[in-house]
Amino acid sequence: MQGPSLSVVVVLYDSETELPECLDSIKPAVESGWAEAILVDNASPDDSAALARLMLPGAQLLEQAENRGFAAGVNAGLALARGSYVLVLNPDVVVPPRGLQDLVAWMDAHPEIGAASPELVGADGEWGTPGRALPTIWRLALRTSRVHRLLPRRWAGAMLRGSFWPGGDQLAVDWVPATAMIVRASAIAQAGPMRDDLFFMYGEDVEWCWRIGQAGSRIGVCAEVVFEHRASAAATRTWGAQQRDRLIDAGMDRACRIIYGDRHAGALAWATALSLAVDALAPWRSKEQRAVSGSAARRWLTIARSYLTKS
């Protein structure tokens, strides 16, 4: 008997509010047998597991005894996946009609891509810019100095990615977030699963994409398929916005230590803090933008200082 084309892995934690729309959006593909859903509940304090069981009875539901983190939840789902592709999907993401099929078709048409993201937009229609570049000191210098404004938009977008990308497919980014990341089963076999021994929440997708790239595959973005993301809703409820941002920065720093080594990652942390401090003082930016940059600069300064105490 032929297995599913796609395995959708959704990690649940305090996800009851957003989960209904997410499960409704993948339900047709799952009920048809074309896709399978593997729902991993990380010991949620709410009724996420009960709701998942009610809404998608055909899914495999793993109820973990404790919350070992996002990466561990993903890996528990990967161990059961039977599809040629695996889609790691946040429970605060809504998939458009036939979005799963169109994303798989795009991957079939781009065999060099090992992992990819659809385009992501917020509930307000704001573009989520999922194609990312690894942080480097030269990229920070290019952006902070505003020299990128002198370059053709496509060039600047290719170097800096994120919100600088002018639009369209991306076939060679450094990483995409695990918000809605589709990965070939063959790429997982080559690169291995997420590093749940090093990452609890955030940064695991950066390191995983880097490893997939090291194993010989490219990372991409499918511009023609657009998923809606209610950004970090559960994480904000669980930790609050400030702690969530600290965890995001700490995860990126941890990934950079693995990719670059401690000395390079430490220099990058200092450069990031300096770049954000410059942004916080830039008179042409709004008061709100300067405040956001100032807060981020202080977080990265704390990370940079931590390298001074390391042996």
C-alpha atoms as a PDB file:
ATOM      1  CA  MET A   1       0.000   0.000   0.000  1.00  0.00           C
ATOM      2  CA  GLN A   2       1.374   3.392  -0.993  1.00  0.00           C
ATOM      3  CA  GLY A   3       2.104   5.718   1.885  1.00  0.00           C
ATOM      4  CA  PRO A   4       1.305   9.438   2.130  1.00  0.00           C
ATOM      5  CA  SER A   5       3.133  11.947  -0.050  1.00  0.00           C
ATOM      6  CA  LEU A   6       3.544  14.354   2.851  1.00  0.00           C
ATOM      7  CA  SER A   7       3.896  13.997   6.606  1.00  0.00           C
ATOM      8  CA  VAL A   8       2.755  17.105   8.510  1.00  0.00           C
ATOM      9  CA  VAL A   9       4.370  17.372  11.950  1.00  0.00           C
ATOM     10  CA  VAL A  10       2.752  19.860  14.323  1.00  0.00           C
ATOM     11  CA  VAL A  11       4.208  20.420  17.802  1.00  0.00           C
ATOM     12  CA  LEU A  12       1.612  21.596  20.305  1.00  0.00           C
ATOM     13  CA  TYR A  13       2.161  23.589  23.456  1.00  0.00           C
ATOM     14  CA  ASP A  14      -0.511  25.894  24.836  1.00  0.00           C
ATOM     15  CA  SER A  15      -1.900  25.986  21.292  1.00  0.00           C
ATOM     16  CA  GLU A  16      -5.630  25.608  21.916  1.00  0.00           C
ATOM     17  CA  THR A  17      -6.519  29.099  20.688  1.00  0.00           C
ATOM     18  CA  GLU A  18      -4.862  28.890  17.252  1.00  0.00           C
ATOM     19  CA  LEU A  19      -5.105  25.146  16.636  1.00  0.00           C
ATOM     20  CA  PRO A  20      -8.638  24.883  15.142  1.00  0.00           C
ATOM     21  CA  GLU A  21      -7.843  26.994  12.067  1.00  0.00           C
ATOM     22  CA  CYS A  22      -4.541  25.203  11.518  1.00  0.00           C
ATOM     23  CA  LEU A  23      -6.073  21.721  11.683  1.00  0.00           C
ATOM     24  CA  ASP A  24      -9.056  22.744   9.565  1.00  0.00           C
ATOM     25  CA  SER A  25      -6.662  23.939   6.864  1.00  0.00           C
ATOM     26  CA  ILE A  26      -4.787  20.624   6.607  1.00  0.00           C
ATOM     27  CA  LYS A  27      -7.805  18.385   7.229  1.00  0.00           C
ATOM     28  CA  PRO A  28      -8.816  17.813   3.556  1.00  0.00           C
ATOM     29  CA  ALA A  29      -5.344  16.601   2.590  1.00  0.00           C
ATOM     30  CA  VAL A  30      -5.147  14.331   5.641  1.00  0.00           C
ATOM     31  CA  GLU A  31      -8.644  12.863   5.287  1.00  0.00           C
ATOM     32  CA  SER A  32      -8.002  12.090   1.605  1.00  0.00           C
ATOM     33  CA  GLY A  33      -4.956  10.026   2.566  1.00  0.00           C
ATOM     34  CA  TRP A  34      -2.622  12.171   0.466  1.00  0.00           C
ATOM     35  CA  ALA A  35      -1.006  13.524   3.651  1.00  0.00           C
ATOM     36  CA  GLU A  36      -0.649  12.258   7.198  1.00  0.00           C
ATOM     37  CA  ALA A  37      -0.714  14.392  10.332  1.00  0.00           C
ATOM     38  CA  ILE A  38       1.547  13.678  13.292  1.00  0.00           C
ATOM     39  CA  LEU A  39       0.625  15.871  16.259  1.00  0.00           C
ATOM     40  CA  VAL A  40       3.090  15.996  19.152  1.00  0.00           C
ATOM     41  CA  ASP A  41       1.745  17.502  22.361  1.00  0.00           C
ATOM     42  CA  ASN A  42       4.589  18.711  24.594  1.00  0.00           C
ATOM     43  CA  ALA A  43       2.672  18.312  27.875  1.00  0.00           C
ATOM     44  CA  SER A  44       0.482  21.326  27.129  1.00  0.00           C
ATOM     45  CA  PRO A  45      -1.107  23.058  30.141  1.00  0.00           C
ATOM     46  CA  ASP A  46      -4.316  23.586  28.138  1.00  0.00           C
ATOM     47  CA  ASP A  47      -6.598  21.262  26.159  1.00  0.00           C
ATOM     48  CA  SER A  48      -4.516  21.222  22.968  1.00  0.00           C
ATOM     49  CA  ALA A  49      -4.283  17.419  22.901  1.00  0.00           C
ATOM     50  CA  ALA A  50      -8.003  16.865  23.493  1.00  0.00           C
ATOM     51  CA  LEU A  51      -8.885  19.409  20.820  1.00  0.00           C
ATOM     52  CA  ALA A  52      -6.495  17.793  18.343  1.00  0.00           C
ATOM     53  CA  ARG A  53      -8.009  14.376  18.995  1.00  0.00           C
ATOM     54  CA  LEU A  54     -11.501  15.749  18.454  1.00  0.00           C
ATOM     55  CA  MET A  55     -10.767  17.783  15.337  1.00  0.00           C
ATOM     56  CA  LEU A  56      -8.463  15.374  13.498  1.00  0.00           C
ATOM     57  CA  PRO A  57      -9.191  11.844  14.728  1.00  0.00           C
ATOM     58  CA  GLY A  58      -7.235  10.346  11.833  1.00  0.00           C
ATOM     59  CA  ALA A  59      -3.994  11.943  13.003  1.00  0.00           C
ATOM     60  CA  GLN A  60      -1.311  10.266  15.066  1.00  0.00           C
ATOM     61  CA  LEU A  61      -1.234  12.027  18.431  1.00  0.00           C
ATOM     62  CA  LEU A  62       1.818  11.697  20.635  1.00  0.00           C
ATOM     63  CA  GLU A  63       1.283  12.987  24.166  1.00  0.00           C
ATOM     64  CA  GLN A  64       4.650  13.654  25.768  1.00  0.00           C
ATOM     65  CA  ALA A  65       5.017  13.307  29.533  1.00  0.00           C
ATOM     66  CA  GLU A  66       7.082  16.500  29.729  1.00  0.00           C
ATOM     67  CA  ASN A  67       7.984  19.482  27.574  1.00  0.00           C
ATOM     68  CA  ARG A  68      11.443  18.712  26.230  1.00  0.00           C
ATOM     69  CA  GLY A  69      11.275  21.571  23.739  1.00  0.00           C
ATOM     70  CA  PHE A  70      10.340  22.225  20.141  1.00  0.00           C
ATOM     71  CA  ALA A  71      13.254  20.347  18.557  1.00  0.00           C
ATOM     72  CA  ALA A  72      12.541  17.218  20.627  1.00  0.00           C
ATOM     73  CA  GLY A  73       8.872  17.418  19.662  1.00  0.00           C
ATOM     74  CA  VAL A  74       9.749  17.682  15.965  1.00  0.00           C
ATOM     75  CA  ASN A  75      12.119  14.731  16.225  1.00  0.00           C
ATOM     76  CA  ALA A  76       9.444  12.600  17.881  1.00  0.00           C
ATOM     77  CA  GLY A  77       7.229  13.327  14.880  1.00  0.00           C
ATOM     78  CA  LEU A  78      10.010  12.698  12.359  1.00  0.00           C
ATOM     79  CA  ALA A  79      10.520   9.217  13.779  1.00  0.00           C
ATOM     80  CA  LEU A  80       6.978   8.293  12.689  1.00  0.00           C
ATOM     81  CA  ALA A  81       6.873  10.135   9.350  1.00  0.00           C
ATOM     82  CA  ARG A  82       6.271   8.004   6.242  1.00  0.00           C
ATOM     83  CA  GLY A  83       6.014  10.685   3.555  1.00  0.00           C
ATOM     84  CA  SER A  84       8.574  11.541   0.890  1.00  0.00           C
ATOM     85  CA  TYR A  85       8.419  15.033   2.379  1.00  0.00           C
ATOM     86  CA  VAL A  86       7.928  16.279   5.929  1.00  0.00           C
ATOM     87  CA  LEU A  87       6.307  19.634   6.680  1.00  0.00           C
ATOM     88  CA  VAL A  88       7.121  21.029  10.109  1.00  0.00           C
ATOM     89  CA  LEU A  89       4.160  23.303  10.767  1.00  0.00           C
ATOM     90  CA  ASN A  90       3.476  25.650  13.658  1.00  0.00           C
ATOM     91  CA  PRO A  91      -0.053  25.428  15.104  1.00  0.00           C
ATOM     92  CA  ASP A  92      -0.508  29.174  14.522  1.00  0.00           C
ATOM     93  CA  VAL A  93      -0.194  28.767  10.737  1.00  0.00           C
ATOM     94  CA  VAL A  94      -3.135  28.491   8.329  1.00  0.00           C
ATOM     95  CA  VAL A  95      -2.595  26.678   5.020  1.00  0.00           C
ATOM     96  CA  PRO A  96      -4.503  27.867   1.912  1.00  0.00           C
ATOM     97  CA  PRO A  97      -6.628  25.434  -0.129  1.00  0.00           C
ATOM     98  CA  ARG A  98      -4.299  23.000  -1.959  1.00  0.00           C
ATOM     99  CA  GLY A  99      -1.341  24.771  -0.395  1.00  0.00           C
ATOM    100  CA  LEU A 100       0.207  21.481   0.724  1.00  0.00           C
ATOM    101  CA  GLN A 101      -0.113  19.934  -2.733  1.00  0.00           C
ATOM    102  CA  ASP A 102       1.263  23.033  -4.452  1.00  0.00           C
ATOM    103  CA  LEU A 103       4.237  23.157  -2.082  1.00  0.00           C
ATOM    104  CA  VAL A 104       5.075  19.497  -2.742  1.00  0.00           C
ATOM    105  CA  ALA A 105       4.732  20.075  -6.503  1.00  0.00           C
ATOM    106  CA  TRP A 106       7.200  22.968  -6.235  1.00  0.00           C
ATOM    107  CA  MET A 107       9.669  20.747  -4.387  1.00  0.00           C
ATOM    108  CA  ASP A 108       9.241  18.064  -7.060  1.00  0.00           C
ATOM    109  CA  ALA A 109      10.136  20.688  -9.668  1.00  0.00           C
ATOM    110  CA  HIS A 110      13.271  21.734  -7.747  1.00  0.00           C
ATOM    111  CA  PRO A 111      15.141  18.535  -6.856  1.00  0.00           C
ATOM    112  CA  GLU A 112      18.202  20.497  -5.715  1.00  0.00           C
ATOM    113  CA  ILE A 113      16.202  21.956  -2.800  1.00  0.00           C
ATOM    114  CA  GLY A 114      16.405  19.917   0.398  1.00  0.00           C
ATOM    115  CA  ALA A 115      14.320  22.217   2.579  1.00  0.00           C
ATOM    116  CA  ALA A 116      12.100  25.199   1.856  1.00  0.00           C
ATOM    117  CA  SER A 117       9.427  27.511   3.184  1.00  0.00           C
ATOM    118  CA  PRO A 118       6.343  28.912   1.528  1.00  0.00           C
ATOM    119  CA  GLU A 119       5.926  32.653   1.677  1.00  0.00           C
ATOM    120  CA  LEU A 120       4.584  33.725   5.069  1.00  0.00           C
ATOM    121  CA  VAL A 121       2.212  36.601   5.726  1.00  0.00           C
ATOM    122  CA  GLY A 122       0.720  37.831   8.970  1.00  0.00           C
ATOM    123  CA  ALA A 123      -3.006  38.017   9.682  1.00  0.00           C
ATOM    124  CA  ASP A 124      -2.776  41.670   8.593  1.00  0.00           C
ATOM    125  CA  GLY A 125      -1.198  40.696   5.267  1.00  0.00           C
ATOM    126  CA  GLU A 126       2.323  41.770   6.256  1.00  0.00           C
ATOM    127  CA  TRP A 127       4.973  39.807   4.355  1.00  0.00           C
ATOM    128  CA  GLY A 128       6.956  37.462   6.591  1.00  0.00           C
ATOM    129  CA  THR A 129      10.171  37.268   4.497  1.00  0.00           C
ATOM    130  CA  PRO A 130      11.103  33.647   5.324  1.00  0.00           C
ATOM    131  CA  GLY A 131      14.280  33.476   3.222  1.00  0.00           C
ATOM    132  CA  ARG A 132      17.108  34.371   5.584  1.00  0.00           C
ATOM    133  CA  ALA A 133      20.865  34.888   5.405  1.00  0.00           C
ATOM    134  CA  LEU A 134      23.181  33.765   8.179  1.00  0.00           C
ATOM    135  CA  PRO A 135      24.418  36.728  10.217  1.00  0.00           C
ATOM    136  CA  THR A 136      27.925  37.838   9.324  1.00  0.00           C
ATOM    137  CA  ILE A 137      29.990  40.853  10.273  1.00  0.00           C
ATOM    138  CA  TRP A 138      30.180  42.017   6.645  1.00  0.00           C
ATOM    139  CA  ARG A 139      26.394  41.841   6.288  1.00  0.00           C
ATOM    140  CA  LEU A 140      25.977  43.863   9.477  1.00  0.00           C
ATOM    141  CA  ALA A 141      28.450  46.451   8.174  1.00  0.00           C
ATOM    142  CA  LEU A 142      26.711  46.623   4.791  1.00  0.00           C
ATOM    143  CA  ARG A 143      23.288  47.192   6.355  1.00  0.00           C
ATOM    144  CA  THR A 144      24.358  49.495   9.197  1.00  0.00           C
ATOM    145  CA  SER A 145      26.383  51.743   6.866  1.00  0.00           C
ATOM    146  CA  ARG A 146      23.390  51.877   4.471  1.00  0.00           C
ATOM    147  CA  VAL A 147      25.752  51.079   1.593  1.00  0.00           C
ATOM    148  CA  HIS A 148      23.227  48.489   0.433  1.00  0.00           C
ATOM    149  CA  ARG A 149      21.021  51.403  -0.695  1.00  0.00           C
ATOM    150  CA  LEU A 150      23.552  52.183  -3.420  1.00  0.00           C
ATOM    151  CA  LEU A 151      23.212  48.693  -4.900  1.00  0.00           C
ATOM    152  CA  PRO A 152      20.551  47.379  -7.287  1.00  0.00           C
ATOM    153  CA  ARG A 153      17.666  46.085  -5.209  1.00  0.00           C
ATOM    154  CA  ARG A 154      18.123  42.514  -6.431  1.00  0.00           C
ATOM    155  CA  TRP A 155      21.788  42.530  -5.422  1.00  0.00           C
ATOM    156  CA  ALA A 156      21.073  43.883  -1.970  1.00  0.00           C
ATOM    157  CA  GLY A 157      18.271  41.367  -1.554  1.00  0.00           C
ATOM    158  CA  ALA A 158      20.497  38.453  -2.560  1.00  0.00           C
ATOM    159  CA  MET A 159      23.156  39.492  -0.053  1.00  0.00           C
ATOM    160  CA  LEU A 160      20.954  40.456   2.892  1.00  0.00           C
ATOM    161  CA  ARG A 161      17.746  38.458   2.278  1.00  0.00           C
ATOM    162  CA  GLY A 162      14.851  38.914   4.706  1.00  0.00           C
ATOM    163  CA  SER A 163      12.887  42.107   4.138  1.00  0.00           C
ATOM    164  CA  PHE A 164      15.470  43.252   1.558  1.00  0.00           C
ATOM    165  CA  TRP A 165      14.386  40.550  -0.914  1.00  0.00           C
ATOM    166  CA  PRO A 166      12.276  42.145  -3.683  1.00  0.00           C
ATOM    167  CA  GLY A 167      10.058  39.095  -4.203  1.00  0.00           C
ATOM    168  CA  GLY A 168       9.924  35.847  -6.152  1.00  0.00           C
ATOM    169  CA  ASP A 169      11.306  32.368  -5.608  1.00  0.00           C
ATOM    170  CA  GLN A 170      14.559  31.981  -3.680  1.00  0.00           C
ATOM    171  CA  LEU A 171      16.703  28.979  -4.525  1.00  0.00           C
ATOM    172  CA  ALA A 172      19.816  29.521  -2.405  1.00  0.00           C
ATOM    173  CA  VAL A 173      19.090  31.052   1.006  1.00  0.00           C
ATOM    174  CA  ASP A 174      21.009  30.122   4.152  1.00  0.00           C
ATOM    175  CA  TRP A 175      18.006  29.157   6.243  1.00  0.00           C
ATOM    176  CA  VAL A 176      14.243  29.328   6.595  1.00  0.00           C
ATOM    177  CA  PRO A 177      12.275  29.257   9.853  1.00  0.00           C
ATOM    178  CA  ALA A 178      10.618  26.040  11.014  1.00  0.00           C
ATOM    179  CA  THR A 179       7.317  27.922  11.056  1.00  0.00           C
ATOM    180  CA  ALA A 180       6.346  26.020   7.896  1.00  0.00           C
ATOM    181  CA  MET A 181       9.425  24.176   6.689  1.00  0.00           C
ATOM    182  CA  ILE A 182       9.107  21.390   4.127  1.00  0.00           C
ATOM    183  CA  VAL A 183      12.044  18.958   4.073  1.00  0.00           C
ATOM    184  CA  ARG A 184      12.798  16.006   1.831  1.00  0.00           C
ATOM    185  CA  ALA A 185      12.919  12.718   3.701  1.00  0.00           C
ATOM    186  CA  SER A 186      16.160  11.987   1.805  1.00  0.00           C
ATOM    187  CA  ALA A 187      17.686  15.259   3.091  1.00  0.00           C
ATOM    188  CA  ILE A 188      16.753  14.318   6.660  1.00  0.00           C
ATOM    189  CA  ALA A 189      18.377  10.912   6.157  1.00  0.00           C
ATOM    190  CA  GLN A 190      21.589  12.626   5.047  1.00  0.00           C
ATOM    191  CA  ALA A 191      21.727  15.495   7.558  1.00  0.00           C
ATOM    192  CA  GLY A 192      19.997  13.910  10.536  1.00  0.00           C
ATOM    193  CA  PRO A 193      17.139  15.342  12.637  1.00  0.00           C
ATOM    194  CA  MET A 194      17.129  18.548  14.667  1.00  0.00           C
ATOM    195  CA  ARG A 195      19.642  18.876  17.513  1.00  0.00           C
ATOM    196  CA  ASP A 196      17.303  18.452  20.469  1.00  0.00           C
ATOM    197  CA  ASP A 197      20.296  17.972  22.774  1.00  0.00           C
ATOM    198  CA  LEU A 198      21.391  21.592  22.185  1.00  0.00           C
ATOM    199  CA  PHE A 199      18.197  23.501  21.369  1.00  0.00           C
ATOM    200  CA  PHE A 200      14.997  23.827  23.378  1.00  0.00           C
ATOM    201  CA  MET A 201      13.270  26.626  21.491  1.00  0.00           C
ATOM    202  CA  TYR A 202      14.600  28.842  18.662  1.00  0.00           C
ATOM    203  CA  GLY A 203      17.813  28.503  16.677  1.00  0.00           C
ATOM    204  CA  GLU A 204      17.271  24.825  15.914  1.00  0.00           C
ATOM    205  CA  ASP A 205      15.984  25.665  12.430  1.00  0.00           C
ATOM    206  CA  VAL A 206      19.067  27.778  11.659  1.00  0.00           C
ATOM    207  CA  GLU A 207      21.444  24.965  12.589  1.00  0.00           C
ATOM    208  CA  TRP A 208      19.320  22.305  10.847  1.00  0.00           C
ATOM    209  CA  CYS A 209      19.246  24.229   7.565  1.00  0.00           C
ATOM    210  CA  TRP A 210      23.006  24.733   7.808  1.00  0.00           C
ATOM    211  CA  ARG A 211      23.502  20.987   8.241  1.00  0.00           C
ATOM    212  CA  ILE A 212      21.152  20.201   5.346  1.00  0.00           C
ATOM    213  CA  GLY A 213      23.183  22.597   3.221  1.00  0.00           C
ATOM    214  CA  GLN A 214      26.443  21.006   4.372  1.00  0.00           C
ATOM    215  CA  ALA A 215      25.062  17.635   3.263  1.00  0.00           C
ATOM    216  CA  GLY A 216      24.702  18.937  -0.287  1.00  0.00           C
ATOM    217  CA  SER A 217      21.164  20.331  -0.615  1.00  0.00           C
ATOM    218  CA  ARG A 218      19.977  23.888  -1.112  1.00  0.00           C
ATOM    219  CA  ILE A 219      17.481  25.829   0.984  1.00  0.00           C
ATOM    220  CA  GLY A 220      14.714  27.730  -0.795  1.00  0.00           C
ATOM    221  CA  VAL A 221      11.493  29.706  -0.673  1.00  0.00           C
ATOM    222  CA  CYS A 222       8.436  28.955  -2.809  1.00  0.00           C
ATOM    223  CA  ALA A 223       6.952  32.357  -3.610  1.00  0.00           C
ATOM    224  CA  GLU A 224       3.807  31.051  -5.294  1.00  0.00           C
ATOM    225  CA  VAL A 225       2.444  29.382  -2.137  1.00  0.00           C
ATOM    226  CA  VAL A 226       1.510  31.683   0.755  1.00  0.00           C
ATOM    227  CA  PHE A 227       0.726  30.514   4.302  1.00  0.00           C
ATOM    228  CA  GLU A 228      -0.709  32.802   6.985  1.00  0.00           C
ATOM    229  CA  HIS A 229       1.262  32.972  10.233  1.00  0.00           C
ATOM    230  CA  ARG A 230      -0.115  34.364  13.499  1.00  0.00           C
ATOM    231  CA  ALA A 231       3.437  35.051  14.611  1.00  0.00           C
ATOM    232  CA  SER A 232       4.626  33.456  17.882  1.00  0.00           C
ATOM    233  CA  ALA A 233       1.198  33.577  19.516  1.00  0.00           C
ATOM    234  CA  ALA A 234       1.727  30.640  21.894  1.00  0.00           C
ATOM    235  CA  ALA A 235       5.322  31.628  22.674  1.00  0.00           C
ATOM    236  CA  THR A 236       4.226  35.151  23.585  1.00  0.00           C
ATOM    237  CA  ARG A 237       1.504  33.781  25.875  1.00  0.00           C
ATOM    238  CA  THR A 238       3.927  31.390  27.545  1.00  0.00           C
ATOM    239  CA  TRP A 239       6.896  33.679  28.142  1.00  0.00           C
ATOM    240  CA  GLY A 240       5.806  37.206  27.311  1.00  0.00           C
ATOM    241  CA  ALA A 241       7.260  39.269  24.477  1.00  0.00           C
ATOM    242  CA  GLN A 242      10.494  40.255  26.229  1.00  0.00           C
ATOM    243  CA  GLN A 243      11.482  36.736  27.278  1.00  0.00           C
ATOM    244  CA  ARG A 244      10.471  35.393  23.870  1.00  0.00           C
ATOM    245  CA  ASP A 245      12.829  37.883  22.211  1.00  0.00           C
ATOM    246  CA  ARG A 246      15.638  36.892  24.589  1.00  0.00           C
ATOM    247  CA  LEU A 247      15.107  33.238  23.694  1.00  0.00           C
ATOM    248  CA  ILE A 248      15.149  34.032  19.968  1.00  0.00           C
ATOM    249  CA  ASP A 249      18.455  35.899  20.286  1.00  0.00           C
ATOM    250  CA  ALA A 250      19.968  33.197  22.500  1.00  0.00           C
ATOM    251  CA  GLY A 251      18.949  30.537  19.968  1.00  0.00           C
ATOM    252  CA  MET A 252      20.581  32.434  17.115  1.00  0.00           C
ATOM    253  CA  ASP A 253      23.752  32.868  19.170  1.00  0.00           C
ATOM    254  CA  ARG A 254      23.821  29.147  19.975  1.00  0.00           C
ATOM    255  CA  ALA A 255      23.455  28.283  16.286  1.00  0.00           C
ATOM    256  CA  CYS A 256      26.259  30.698  15.390  1.00  0.00           C
ATOM    257  CA  ARG A 257      28.572  29.089  17.950  1.00  0.00           C
ATOM    258  CA  ILE A 258      28.019  25.719  16.292  1.00  0.00           C
ATOM    259  CA  ILE A 259      28.419  27.069  12.756  1.00  0.00           C
ATOM    260  CA  TYR A 260      31.294  29.516  13.312  1.00  0.00           C
ATOM    261  CA  GLY A 261      32.954  28.517  16.580  1.00  0.00           C
ATOM    262  CA  ASP A 262      33.109  30.530  19.809  1.00  0.00           C
ATOM    263  CA  ARG A 263      35.662  33.153  18.738  1.00  0.00           C
ATOM    264  CA  HIS A 264      33.849  34.126  15.548  1.00  0.00           C
ATOM    265  CA  ALA A 265      30.420  33.939  17.216  1.00  0.00           C
ATOM    266  CA  GLY A 266      31.631  36.193  20.036  1.00  0.00           C
ATOM    267  CA  ALA A 267      32.887  38.813  17.567  1.00  0.00           C
ATOM    268  CA  LEU A 268      29.564  38.559  15.736  1.00  0.00           C
ATOM    269  CA  ALA A 269      27.643  39.131  18.978  1.00  0.00           C
ATOM    270  CA  TRP A 270      29.617  42.326  19.664  1.00  0.00           C
ATOM    271  CA  ALA A 271      29.108  43.491  16.073  1.00  0.00           C
ATOM    272  CA  THR A 272      25.366  42.811  16.325  1.00  0.00           C
ATOM    273  CA  ALA A 273      25.085  44.822  19.537  1.00  0.00           C
ATOM    274  CA  LEU A 274      26.996  47.719  17.941  1.00  0.00           C
ATOM    275  CA  SER A 275      24.894  47.636  14.764  1.00  0.00           C
ATOM    276  CA  LEU A 276      21.647  47.711  16.753  1.00  0.00           C
ATOM    277  CA  ALA A 277      22.963  50.530  18.939  1.00  0.00           C
ATOM    278  CA  VAL A 278      23.638  52.593  15.796  1.00  0.00           C
ATOM    279  CA  ASP A 279      20.080  51.893  14.633  1.00  0.00           C
ATOM    280  CA  ALA A 280      18.766  52.961  18.028  1.00  0.00           C
ATOM    281  CA  LEU A 281      20.428  56.376  17.615  1.00  0.00           C
ATOM    282  CA  ALA A 282      19.543  56.952  13.957  1.00  0.00           C
ATOM    283  CA  PRO A 283      17.552  60.208  13.802  1.00  0.00           C
ATOM    284  CA  TRP A 284      15.722  59.293  10.579  1.00  0.00           C
ATOM    285  CA  ARG A 285      14.047  56.297  12.249  1.00  0.00           C
ATOM    286  CA  SER A 286      10.802  56.593  14.218  1.00  0.00           C
ATOM    287  CA  LYS A 287      10.787  56.680  18.011  1.00  0.00           C
ATOM    288  CA  GLU A 288       9.211  53.218  18.085  1.00  0.00           C
ATOM    289  CA  GLN A 289      11.831  51.779  15.727  1.00  0.00           C
ATOM    290  CA  ARG A 290      14.645  53.271  17.785  1.00  0.00           C
ATOM    291  CA  ALA A 291      13.154  51.788  20.954  1.00  0.00           C
ATOM    292  CA  VAL A 292      12.948  48.319  19.409  1.00  0.00           C
ATOM    293  CA  SER A 293      16.563  48.525  18.226  1.00  0.00           C
ATOM    294  CA  GLY A 294      17.695  49.802  21.615  1.00  0.00           C
ATOM    295  CA  SER A 295      16.076  46.893  23.407  1.00  0.00           C
ATOM    296  CA  ALA A 296      17.635  44.425  20.968  1.00  0.00           C
ATOM    297  CA  ALA A 297      21.041  46.101  21.370  1.00  0.00           C
ATOM    298  CA  ARG A 298      20.884  45.588  25.134  1.00  0.00           C
ATOM    299  CA  ARG A 299      20.002  41.915  24.698  1.00  0.00           C
ATOM    300  CA  TRP A 300      22.923  41.350  22.346  1.00  0.00           C
ATOM    301  CA  LEU A 301      25.280  43.269  24.614  1.00  0.00           C
ATOM    302  CA  THR A 302      24.424  40.802  27.380  1.00  0.00           C
ATOM    303  CA  ILE A 303      25.174  37.910  25.009  1.00  0.00           C
ATOM    304  CA  ALA A 304      28.447  39.524  23.869  1.00  0.00           C
ATOM    305  CA  ARG A 305      29.592  40.083  27.444  1.00  0.00           C
ATOM    306  CA  SER A 306      28.992  36.426  28.245  1.00  0.00           C
ATOM    307  CA  TYR A 307      31.875  35.548  25.893  1.00  0.00           C
ATOM    308  CA  LEU A 308      34.280  37.488  28.124  1.00  0.00           C
ATOM    309  CA  THR A 309      33.707  35.007  30.965  1.00  0.00           C
ATOM    310  CA  LYS A 310      34.213  31.901  28.854  1.00  0.00           C
ATOM    311  CA  SER A 311      37.455  30.044  29.137  1.00  0.00           C
END
